[in-house]
Amino acid sequence: MADISTETHTAMNDIKAATIQVTDQTQAASARSFDQTVAAMKDGMNKASSTVETSQLQIKEGITKTMKTAEEVVAFSQGNMEAMIKAGQIWSTGLQDISKQMASSMQASYEEAMSAFKAMTSVKSLKEAVDLQVGLARSAVEKSVTESSRYTDASFKLAEQALAPLSSRVTLAVEKFGKAG
């Protein structure tokens, strides 16, 4: 019986040793698993933190670009408004000049008509009256054609001058925004 008890004792020691070994291996595996889990969590947190930082940088860059674009749009719009004002000033001044020229021309025509009326009252014959009337009509037509041509030219020139500030803004817009596409 002593042999059984020794065998039992040996078997129990083997079981105890195996249990200790399995426990140690389980503890080591648990520790490795815990360490791996902690490392994975740290890695995940680092990645999440990096992603948040990257997102924050992208958002900041986006806001900066948006603000810059808004500032450019405001500055461009201000330039457009200044061009409109300048075009209006050129147009207004030009119309005043043309109106003054027309008024002066009308005054001269009135004075010529009064002079012609006086001349008509002092004619001595029908032929002299007809000759005077034909001369006055010819002169009036020539002056009308000359004046009309002069006012047409002045109007076209004024339109070109008034549109110049607006044309330059259109050119600038095409240069600035045309290459954005």
Protein backbone atom coordinates (compact mmCIF):
# COMPACT_ATOMS: atom_id res chain seq x y z
CA MET A 1 0.00 0.00 0.00
CA ALA A 2 2.88 2.10 0.50
CA ASP A 3 3.42 1.91 -3.22
CA ILE A 4 -0.06 3.23 -3.95
CA SER A 5 0.31 6.03 -1.61
CA THR A 6 3.68 6.92 -3.09
CA GLU A 7 2.15 6.65 -6.54
CA THR A 8 -0.81 8.73 -5.44
CA HIS A 9 1.46 11.20 -3.81
CA THR A 10 3.62 11.37 -6.98
CA ALA A 11 0.51 11.68 -9.15
CA MET A 12 -0.80 14.40 -6.92
CA ASN A 13 2.53 16.20 -7.07
CA ASP A 14 2.45 15.83 -10.88
CA ILE A 15 -1.11 17.18 -10.95
CA LYS A 16 -0.12 19.98 -8.61
CA ALA A 17 2.92 20.80 -10.79
CA ALA A 18 0.78 20.62 -13.93
CA THR A 19 -1.86 22.81 -12.28
CA ILE A 20 0.80 25.33 -11.26
CA GLN A 21 2.26 25.21 -14.76
CA VAL A 22 -1.20 25.68 -16.35
CA THR A 23 -1.99 28.45 -13.86
CA ASP A 24 1.34 30.16 -14.61
CA GLN A 25 0.72 29.78 -18.35
CA THR A 26 -2.84 31.06 -17.93
CA GLN A 27 -1.59 34.01 -15.87
CA ALA A 28 1.13 34.71 -18.46
CA ALA A 29 -1.40 34.44 -21.30
CA SER A 30 -3.81 36.67 -19.37
CA ALA A 31 -1.04 39.20 -18.74
CA ARG A 32 -0.04 39.12 -22.42
CA SER A 33 -3.68 39.42 -23.44
CA PHE A 34 -4.18 42.30 -21.00
CA ASP A 35 -0.97 43.98 -22.24
CA GLN A 36 -2.09 43.48 -25.85
CA THR A 37 -5.53 44.88 -25.02
CA VAL A 38 -3.97 47.90 -23.29
CA ALA A 39 -1.57 48.38 -26.21
CA ALA A 40 -4.44 48.09 -28.69
CA MET A 41 -6.49 50.60 -26.68
CA LYS A 42 -3.50 52.99 -26.51
CA ASP A 43 -2.96 52.57 -30.26
CA GLY A 44 -6.67 53.14 -30.90
CA MET A 45 -6.65 56.22 -28.68
CA ASN A 46 -3.53 57.54 -30.45
CA LYS A 47 -5.14 56.94 -33.84
CA ALA A 48 -8.37 58.58 -32.70
CA SER A 49 -6.42 61.50 -31.29
CA SER A 50 -4.44 61.81 -34.52
CA THR A 51 -7.67 61.67 -36.54
CA VAL A 52 -9.23 64.36 -34.35
CA GLU A 53 -6.12 66.54 -34.73
CA THR A 54 -6.11 66.01 -38.50
CA SER A 55 -9.81 66.84 -38.65
CA GLN A 56 -9.26 69.96 -36.58
CA LEU A 57 -6.43 71.06 -38.89
CA GLN A 58 -8.58 70.43 -41.97
CA ILE A 59 -11.48 72.35 -40.44
CA LYS A 60 -9.15 75.21 -39.51
CA GLU A 61 -7.69 75.26 -43.04
CA GLY A 62 -11.20 75.19 -44.50
CA ILE A 63 -12.32 78.08 -42.33
CA THR A 64 -9.17 80.04 -43.22
CA LYS A 65 -9.76 79.45 -46.95
CA THR A 66 -13.41 80.39 -46.60
CA MET A 67 -12.53 83.60 -44.77
CA LYS A 68 -9.89 84.47 -47.40
CA THR A 69 -12.40 83.80 -50.18
CA ALA A 70 -15.02 85.94 -48.40
CA GLU A 71 -12.48 88.76 -48.05
CA GLU A 72 -11.60 88.48 -51.75
CA VAL A 73 -15.28 88.54 -52.72
CA VAL A 74 -15.89 91.63 -50.56
CA ALA A 75 -12.83 93.38 -52.02
CA PHE A 76 -13.86 92.42 -55.56
CA SER A 77 -17.43 93.63 -54.95
CA GLN A 78 -16.09 96.89 -53.56
CA GLY A 79 -14.02 97.31 -56.73
CA ASN A 80 -17.14 96.66 -58.80
CA MET A 81 -19.06 99.28 -56.85
CA GLU A 82 -16.25 101.80 -57.32
CA ALA A 83 -16.22 101.05 -61.07
CA MET A 84 -20.01 101.58 -61.22
CA ILE A 85 -19.69 104.90 -59.41
CA LYS A 86 -16.85 106.02 -61.69
CA ALA A 87 -18.82 104.97 -64.79
CA GLY A 88 -21.83 106.92 -63.50
CA GLN A 89 -19.70 110.00 -62.87
CA ILE A 90 -18.18 109.82 -66.36
CA TRP A 91 -21.64 109.36 -67.90
CA SER A 92 -23.16 112.22 -65.89
CA THR A 93 -20.31 114.62 -66.68
CA GLY A 94 -20.39 113.65 -70.36
CA LEU A 95 -24.15 114.18 -70.59
CA GLN A 96 -23.75 117.60 -69.00
CA ASP A 97 -21.08 118.51 -71.55
CA ILE A 98 -23.20 117.30 -74.47
CA SER A 99 -26.24 119.14 -73.07
CA LYS A 100 -24.20 122.34 -72.80
CA GLN A 101 -23.04 121.94 -76.40
CA MET A 102 -26.63 121.36 -77.53
CA ALA A 103 -27.87 124.39 -75.59
CA SER A 104 -25.11 126.51 -77.11
CA SER A 105 -25.98 125.20 -80.58
CA MET A 106 -29.67 125.91 -79.99
CA GLN A 107 -28.83 129.44 -78.82
CA ALA A 108 -26.76 130.02 -81.96
CA SER A 109 -29.60 128.64 -84.12
CA TYR A 110 -32.08 130.93 -82.38
CA GLU A 111 -29.83 133.94 -82.96
CA GLU A 112 -29.43 132.97 -86.63
CA ALA A 113 -33.17 132.59 -86.96
CA MET A 114 -33.74 136.03 -85.43
CA SER A 115 -31.12 137.50 -87.74
CA ALA A 116 -32.80 135.77 -90.71
CA PHE A 117 -36.19 137.11 -89.63
CA LYS A 118 -34.76 140.64 -89.52
CA ALA A 119 -33.17 140.10 -92.91
CA MET A 120 -36.51 138.87 -94.31
CA THR A 121 -38.24 142.02 -93.11
CA SER A 122 -35.81 144.15 -95.05
CA VAL A 123 -35.94 142.36 -98.43
CA LYS A 124 -36.98 144.44 -101.42
CA SER A 125 -38.05 141.72 -103.84
CA LEU A 126 -39.51 138.26 -103.98
CA LYS A 127 -36.34 136.90 -105.60
CA GLU A 128 -34.26 138.34 -102.78
CA ALA A 129 -36.61 136.70 -100.23
CA VAL A 130 -36.45 133.32 -102.03
CA ASP A 131 -32.65 133.50 -102.30
CA LEU A 132 -32.39 134.40 -98.62
CA GLN A 133 -34.79 131.58 -97.67
CA VAL A 134 -32.89 129.00 -99.79
CA GLY A 135 -29.58 130.09 -98.23
CA LEU A 136 -31.02 129.85 -94.73
CA ALA A 137 -32.48 126.38 -95.41
CA ARG A 138 -29.19 125.13 -96.90
CA SER A 139 -27.26 126.50 -93.93
CA ALA A 140 -29.72 124.98 -91.46
CA VAL A 141 -29.51 121.53 -93.11
CA GLU A 142 -25.69 121.64 -93.21
CA LYS A 143 -25.51 122.69 -89.56
CA SER A 144 -28.06 120.03 -88.60
CA VAL A 145 -26.05 117.27 -90.31
CA THR A 146 -22.77 118.55 -88.82
CA GLU A 147 -24.25 118.89 -85.34
CA SER A 148 -25.98 115.50 -85.50
CA SER A 149 -22.73 113.83 -86.53
CA ARG A 150 -20.84 115.64 -83.77
CA TYR A 151 -23.37 114.61 -81.12
CA THR A 152 -23.41 111.00 -82.36
CA ASP A 153 -19.60 110.86 -82.17
CA ALA A 154 -19.61 112.47 -78.73
CA SER A 155 -22.27 110.01 -77.53
CA PHE A 156 -20.29 106.99 -78.74
CA LYS A 157 -17.11 108.35 -77.18
CA LEU A 158 -18.96 109.01 -73.92
CA ALA A 159 -20.38 105.47 -73.92
CA GLU A 160 -16.87 104.04 -74.43
CA GLN A 161 -15.47 106.18 -71.62
CA ALA A 162 -18.30 105.32 -69.24
CA LEU A 163 -18.05 101.61 -69.99
CA ALA A 164 -14.24 101.51 -69.61
CA PRO A 165 -14.25 101.05 -65.79
CA LEU A 166 -16.88 98.31 -66.08
CA SER A 167 -15.01 96.59 -68.92
CA SER A 168 -11.84 96.52 -66.86
CA ARG A 169 -13.75 94.85 -64.00
CA VAL A 170 -15.14 92.22 -66.38
CA THR A 171 -11.61 91.57 -67.67
CA LEU A 172 -10.34 91.28 -64.11
CA ALA A 173 -13.17 88.88 -63.21
CA VAL A 174 -12.36 86.66 -66.19
CA GLU A 175 -8.66 86.66 -65.29
CA LYS A 176 -9.28 86.04 -61.58
CA PHE A 177 -12.17 83.60 -61.63
CA GLY A 178 -11.81 82.12 -65.11
CA LYS A 179 -8.72 80.15 -64.12
CA ALA A 180 -10.40 78.77 -60.97
CA GLY A 181 -12.23 76.13 -63.07
